[in-house]
Amino acid sequence: MHDSRPLALREVTLCAADTINPTLAARALDLSMAQCEFGDALLFTHRDVATRARIVQIDPLRSREAYSAFMLKELGKYVATPWVLVAQWDGYVLDASRWSEAFYEYDYIGARWLHRPPGLDIGNGGFSLRSARLLRALAEERFEVRPGTVEDEAIGQQWRPVLESQYGIRFAPREIADQFSYEALPGTRPTFGFHALFNMWRHVDDSEMMAIMRDIDERTFRSREALFLLVAYCKVHKFACVKAMYARLRGFWSTQQVVDELMKIGFGEEYARQYVRICEGA
């Protein structure tokens, strides 16, 4: 149960950059602001949407590379606090009581990547705490945004050795990251925040979630994350959600194409066909 008073995080700026689903990004910021009092809150987007955050107009971010370039090279120009909490439409504060003052000891905290070795596994940028010191370092010309650059992978893997050895940047250890957020695997205890569409079923009412999935842009709806969400609803027998999502999928994919897409994200053919049968019968 949350304390009725917002958690004071005046040394932290909350932000999100979104020109695809800005209304949902605004929702994520507002949910976070309901639990925490930030020093500032910014939504970088190209149009006006209803939100408690300040809207900063930017040109549309038309690719993942454009988003990465903005986060790596432009974000620091707008942050006047010692830290910035980066949120996305599918990643925000869950439980302010899980905040720890120990988070301030690090320059970068994000959910742990389970597929990376220790030392290169911190972490996910979709819900992450970053220091102004890190932002200043990333703005230097030596950290070049090349074609294919993904901002959190660049920070947490490609550039991490140099950031640590030459700039003194501190990445959170696993136990701190696991307290801060989750993405690939939920922990046994609640976290301060989370990231990823396929985790939202745990935190969003079914009717609201289906409204989100009905209105979201087609590219996001056809993503691997959305397919993992569909499978999650199958597993927990929420067949009304399965039916609603599958109906929209069938608007642009055949039954066989749904099977193929499930196989592309790692499901064997037998399991892919099993989930499609569940969808067809929902």
Protein backbone atom coordinates (compact mmCIF):
# COMPACT_ATOMS: atom_id res chain seq x y z
CA MET A 1 0.00 0.00 0.00
CA HIS A 2 1.46 3.37 -1.02
CA ASP A 3 2.00 6.30 1.33
CA SER A 4 -0.50 9.02 0.44
CA ARG A 5 2.32 11.58 0.18
CA PRO A 6 4.36 11.56 -3.04
CA LEU A 7 7.97 10.52 -2.68
CA ALA A 8 10.23 13.58 -2.90
CA LEU A 9 12.67 13.11 -5.77
CA ARG A 10 13.53 16.74 -6.41
CA GLU A 11 17.02 15.90 -7.64
CA VAL A 12 15.50 13.84 -10.46
CA THR A 13 13.94 14.96 -13.73
CA LEU A 14 11.36 12.55 -15.13
CA CYS A 15 11.24 12.36 -18.91
CA ALA A 16 9.99 10.48 -21.94
CA ALA A 17 10.59 11.08 -25.65
CA ASP A 18 7.81 9.79 -27.89
CA THR A 19 6.41 10.95 -31.22
CA ILE A 20 4.63 7.68 -32.04
CA ASN A 21 2.44 7.07 -29.00
CA PRO A 22 2.73 10.36 -27.09
CA THR A 23 -0.63 9.98 -25.34
CA LEU A 24 0.56 6.71 -23.83
CA ALA A 25 3.90 8.26 -22.90
CA ALA A 26 1.94 10.99 -21.12
CA ARG A 27 0.03 8.28 -19.26
CA ALA A 28 3.30 6.73 -18.08
CA LEU A 29 4.62 10.08 -16.87
CA ASP A 30 1.39 10.94 -15.07
CA LEU A 31 1.32 7.55 -13.32
CA SER A 32 4.90 8.10 -12.18
CA MET A 33 4.16 11.66 -11.03
CA ALA A 34 1.19 10.42 -9.01
CA GLN A 35 3.65 8.62 -6.75
CA CYS A 36 6.73 10.86 -6.90
CA GLU A 37 7.41 14.59 -6.73
CA PHE A 38 10.16 15.16 -9.30
CA GLY A 39 12.32 18.21 -9.74
CA ASP A 40 10.96 18.47 -13.27
CA ALA A 41 8.97 16.33 -15.70
CA LEU A 42 9.33 16.55 -19.47
CA LEU A 43 7.56 14.97 -22.42
CA PHE A 44 9.50 15.39 -25.65
CA THR A 45 7.05 15.10 -28.51
CA HIS A 46 5.78 16.82 -31.64
CA ARG A 47 2.23 17.67 -30.59
CA ASP A 48 0.17 18.73 -27.60
CA VAL A 49 -1.27 16.00 -25.38
CA ALA A 50 -2.88 16.14 -21.96
CA THR A 51 -0.29 15.57 -19.23
CA ARG A 52 1.00 17.01 -15.97
CA ALA A 53 4.48 17.04 -17.49
CA ARG A 54 5.91 19.96 -19.46
CA ILE A 55 5.79 19.36 -23.19
CA VAL A 56 8.96 20.13 -25.12
CA GLN A 57 8.35 20.24 -28.85
CA ILE A 58 10.78 18.19 -30.95
CA ASP A 59 10.82 16.96 -34.53
CA PRO A 60 9.26 13.51 -35.03
CA LEU A 61 11.56 10.64 -34.13
CA ARG A 62 10.99 8.38 -37.12
CA SER A 63 13.30 5.51 -36.22
CA ARG A 64 14.96 3.74 -33.33
CA GLU A 65 18.22 5.36 -34.43
CA ALA A 66 16.66 8.83 -34.24
CA TYR A 67 15.40 8.08 -30.72
CA SER A 68 18.85 6.85 -29.73
CA ALA A 69 20.52 9.97 -31.14
CA PHE A 70 18.16 12.19 -29.18
CA MET A 71 18.66 10.33 -25.90
CA LEU A 72 22.43 10.18 -26.26
CA LYS A 73 23.17 13.64 -27.67
CA GLU A 74 20.26 15.97 -26.91
CA LEU A 75 18.70 14.93 -23.60
CA GLY A 76 21.37 16.51 -21.43
CA LYS A 77 20.57 19.96 -22.80
CA TYR A 78 17.18 19.89 -21.08
CA VAL A 79 18.07 18.35 -17.71
CA ALA A 80 18.93 20.75 -14.89
CA THR A 81 18.89 18.19 -12.05
CA PRO A 82 21.68 15.79 -11.05
CA TRP A 83 19.69 12.77 -12.30
CA VAL A 84 17.11 11.95 -14.93
CA LEU A 85 14.61 9.09 -14.79
CA VAL A 86 13.89 7.92 -18.33
CA ALA A 87 10.46 6.38 -18.82
CA GLN A 88 8.67 5.08 -21.89
CA TRP A 89 5.02 4.46 -22.58
CA ASP A 90 5.50 0.85 -21.45
CA GLY A 91 7.84 1.56 -18.54
CA TYR A 92 7.14 3.69 -15.47
CA VAL A 93 7.07 3.83 -11.66
CA LEU A 94 5.20 0.97 -10.01
CA ASP A 95 5.88 1.37 -6.30
CA ALA A 96 7.55 4.48 -4.91
CA SER A 97 8.13 2.73 -1.58
CA ARG A 98 10.78 0.62 -3.35
CA TRP A 99 12.94 3.66 -4.05
CA SER A 100 16.33 3.53 -2.32
CA GLU A 101 18.72 6.38 -1.60
CA ALA A 102 21.41 3.92 -2.73
CA PHE A 103 20.26 4.53 -6.30
CA TYR A 104 21.96 7.94 -6.11
CA GLU A 105 25.32 6.20 -5.80
CA TYR A 106 25.25 5.21 -9.47
CA ASP A 107 25.31 6.94 -12.83
CA TYR A 108 23.24 4.32 -14.66
CA ILE A 109 20.62 1.86 -13.44
CA GLY A 110 18.33 -0.16 -15.67
CA ALA A 111 16.72 -3.59 -15.50
CA ARG A 112 19.23 -6.41 -15.78
CA TRP A 113 19.71 -8.13 -19.13
CA LEU A 114 19.58 -11.87 -18.54
CA HIS A 115 21.30 -12.67 -21.85
CA ARG A 116 24.45 -10.65 -21.10
CA PRO A 117 27.43 -11.62 -18.92
CA PRO A 118 28.19 -9.88 -15.61
CA GLY A 119 29.79 -6.53 -16.26
CA LEU A 120 27.76 -5.98 -19.42
CA ASP A 121 24.26 -6.76 -18.14
CA ILE A 122 23.10 -3.35 -16.79
CA GLY A 123 20.86 -2.58 -18.52
CA ASN A 124 17.58 -1.71 -20.06
CA GLY A 125 17.07 1.94 -20.97
CA GLY A 126 13.26 1.93 -21.23
CA PHE A 127 13.03 2.65 -17.51
CA SER A 128 16.40 3.86 -16.30
CA LEU A 129 18.07 6.31 -13.93
CA ARG A 130 20.95 8.29 -15.43
CA SER A 131 23.20 10.94 -13.93
CA ALA A 132 23.84 14.33 -15.49
CA ARG A 133 27.50 13.35 -15.40
CA LEU A 134 26.76 10.42 -17.71
CA LEU A 135 24.76 12.66 -20.06
CA ARG A 136 27.68 15.07 -20.32
CA ALA A 137 30.08 12.25 -21.13
CA LEU A 138 27.79 10.80 -23.80
CA ALA A 139 27.51 14.19 -25.50
CA GLU A 140 31.22 14.10 -26.37
CA GLU A 141 32.08 13.52 -30.03
CA ARG A 142 34.00 10.32 -29.34
CA PHE A 143 30.69 8.58 -28.60
CA GLU A 144 29.39 8.47 -32.15
CA VAL A 145 25.84 7.50 -33.05
CA ARG A 146 26.30 5.30 -36.08
CA PRO A 147 23.69 3.50 -38.18
CA GLY A 148 22.10 0.79 -36.08
CA THR A 149 23.02 2.33 -32.74
CA VAL A 150 20.64 1.36 -29.91
CA GLU A 151 21.15 3.79 -27.08
CA ASP A 152 20.96 1.49 -24.05
CA GLU A 153 23.08 -1.19 -25.71
CA ALA A 154 25.67 1.46 -26.59
CA ILE A 155 25.78 2.70 -22.99
CA GLY A 156 25.64 -0.66 -21.24
CA GLN A 157 27.82 -2.71 -23.56
CA GLN A 158 29.70 -0.96 -26.36
CA TRP A 159 30.82 2.11 -24.40
CA ARG A 160 30.70 0.84 -20.83
CA PRO A 161 34.41 -0.07 -20.50
CA VAL A 162 35.48 3.42 -21.62
CA LEU A 163 32.82 5.15 -19.54
CA GLU A 164 34.01 3.30 -16.44
CA SER A 165 37.77 3.52 -16.96
CA GLN A 166 38.08 7.05 -18.37
CA TYR A 167 35.06 8.88 -16.95
CA GLY A 168 34.49 7.10 -13.64
CA ILE A 169 30.90 6.26 -14.58
CA ARG A 170 29.33 3.88 -12.07
CA PHE A 171 26.94 1.20 -13.27
CA ALA A 172 24.68 -0.33 -10.64
CA PRO A 173 25.42 -3.90 -9.54
CA ARG A 174 22.91 -6.65 -10.20
CA GLU A 175 21.25 -6.53 -6.78
CA ILE A 176 20.59 -2.80 -7.08
CA ALA A 177 19.30 -3.17 -10.66
CA ASP A 178 16.94 -5.94 -9.52
CA GLN A 179 15.55 -3.66 -6.81
CA PHE A 180 15.14 -0.79 -9.26
CA SER A 181 13.32 -2.41 -12.18
CA TYR A 182 12.54 -5.55 -14.13
CA GLU A 183 12.04 -6.33 -17.79
CA ALA A 184 12.93 -9.83 -18.99
CA LEU A 185 12.00 -11.58 -15.75
CA PRO A 186 9.93 -10.32 -12.81
CA GLY A 187 11.65 -10.69 -9.47
CA THR A 188 10.28 -12.27 -6.34
CA ARG A 189 9.85 -8.84 -4.74
CA PRO A 190 8.17 -5.68 -6.07
CA THR A 191 10.41 -3.19 -7.87
CA PHE A 192 10.43 0.59 -8.12
CA GLY A 193 9.51 0.34 -11.80
CA PHE A 194 9.37 -1.91 -14.83
CA HIS A 195 9.63 -1.90 -18.60
CA ALA A 196 8.13 -3.77 -21.57
CA LEU A 197 4.72 -4.13 -23.15
CA PHE A 198 4.65 -7.85 -22.42
CA ASN A 199 4.77 -7.09 -18.67
CA MET A 200 1.91 -4.62 -18.65
CA TRP A 201 -0.77 -7.26 -18.08
CA ARG A 202 0.51 -7.53 -14.51
CA HIS A 203 -0.06 -3.85 -13.80
CA VAL A 204 -2.91 -2.67 -16.04
CA ASP A 205 -6.59 -3.57 -15.81
CA ASP A 206 -7.68 -5.83 -18.67
CA SER A 207 -10.22 -3.38 -20.10
CA GLU A 208 -7.72 -0.52 -20.07
CA MET A 209 -5.05 -2.75 -21.58
CA MET A 210 -7.33 -3.78 -24.42
CA ALA A 211 -8.20 -0.13 -25.08
CA ILE A 212 -4.47 0.58 -25.32
CA MET A 213 -3.92 -2.34 -27.69
CA ARG A 214 -6.89 -1.31 -29.83
CA ASP A 215 -5.60 2.22 -30.35
CA ILE A 216 -1.84 1.70 -30.45
CA ASP A 217 0.04 2.19 -33.71
CA GLU A 218 0.15 -0.82 -36.03
CA ARG A 219 3.94 -1.20 -35.97
CA THR A 220 3.94 -1.55 -32.19
CA PHE A 221 0.98 -3.91 -32.30
CA ARG A 222 2.84 -6.17 -34.73
CA SER A 223 6.01 -6.18 -32.61
CA ARG A 224 7.58 -9.13 -30.83
CA GLU A 225 6.66 -7.49 -27.51
CA ALA A 226 2.97 -7.50 -28.44
CA LEU A 227 3.18 -11.15 -29.47
CA PHE A 228 4.73 -12.00 -26.10
CA LEU A 229 1.84 -10.15 -24.45
CA LEU A 230 -0.64 -12.24 -26.46
CA VAL A 231 1.10 -15.42 -25.31
CA ALA A 232 1.04 -14.19 -21.70
CA TYR A 233 -2.73 -13.74 -21.90
CA CYS A 234 -3.03 -17.26 -23.33
CA LYS A 235 -1.03 -18.67 -20.43
CA VAL A 236 -3.14 -16.98 -17.76
CA HIS A 237 -6.39 -17.89 -19.55
CA LYS A 238 -7.55 -14.31 -20.10
CA PHE A 239 -9.43 -15.29 -23.22
CA ALA A 240 -11.34 -12.02 -23.68
CA CYS A 241 -7.98 -10.28 -24.02
CA VAL A 242 -6.73 -13.03 -26.33
CA LYS A 243 -9.80 -12.67 -28.54
CA ALA A 244 -9.49 -8.88 -28.77
CA MET A 245 -5.79 -8.93 -29.64
CA TYR A 246 -6.05 -11.82 -32.07
CA ALA A 247 -8.93 -10.19 -33.94
CA ARG A 248 -6.75 -7.19 -34.70
CA LEU A 249 -3.78 -9.37 -35.65
CA ARG A 250 -5.92 -11.25 -38.15
CA GLY A 251 -6.70 -7.91 -39.77
CA PHE A 252 -3.25 -7.95 -41.36
CA TRP A 253 -1.90 -11.52 -40.89
CA SER A 254 -3.29 -14.87 -41.95
CA THR A 255 -3.43 -17.73 -39.46
CA GLN A 256 -0.23 -19.17 -40.93
CA GLN A 257 1.49 -15.80 -40.72
CA VAL A 258 0.69 -15.61 -37.00
CA VAL A 259 2.30 -19.03 -36.60
CA ASP A 260 5.32 -17.84 -38.58
CA GLU A 261 5.68 -14.68 -36.50
CA LEU A 262 5.54 -16.66 -33.26
CA MET A 263 8.26 -18.95 -34.59
CA LYS A 264 10.39 -15.91 -35.48
CA ILE A 265 10.43 -14.82 -31.84
CA GLY A 266 11.56 -18.18 -30.58
CA PHE A 267 8.59 -20.51 -30.26
CA GLY A 268 8.84 -23.95 -31.82
CA GLU A 269 6.25 -24.78 -34.46
CA GLU A 270 4.26 -27.05 -32.14
CA TYR A 271 3.95 -24.35 -29.47
CA ALA A 272 3.22 -21.66 -32.06
CA ARG A 273 0.36 -23.70 -33.50
CA GLN A 274 -0.90 -24.47 -30.00
CA TYR A 275 -1.13 -20.77 -29.14
CA VAL A 276 -2.87 -20.03 -32.43
CA ARG A 277 -5.41 -22.75 -31.67
CA ILE A 278 -6.08 -21.08 -28.32
CA CYS A 279 -6.50 -17.75 -30.10
CA GLU A 280 -8.81 -19.24 -32.72
CA GLY A 281 -11.00 -20.75 -30.00
CA ALA A 282 -11.10 -17.70 -27.73
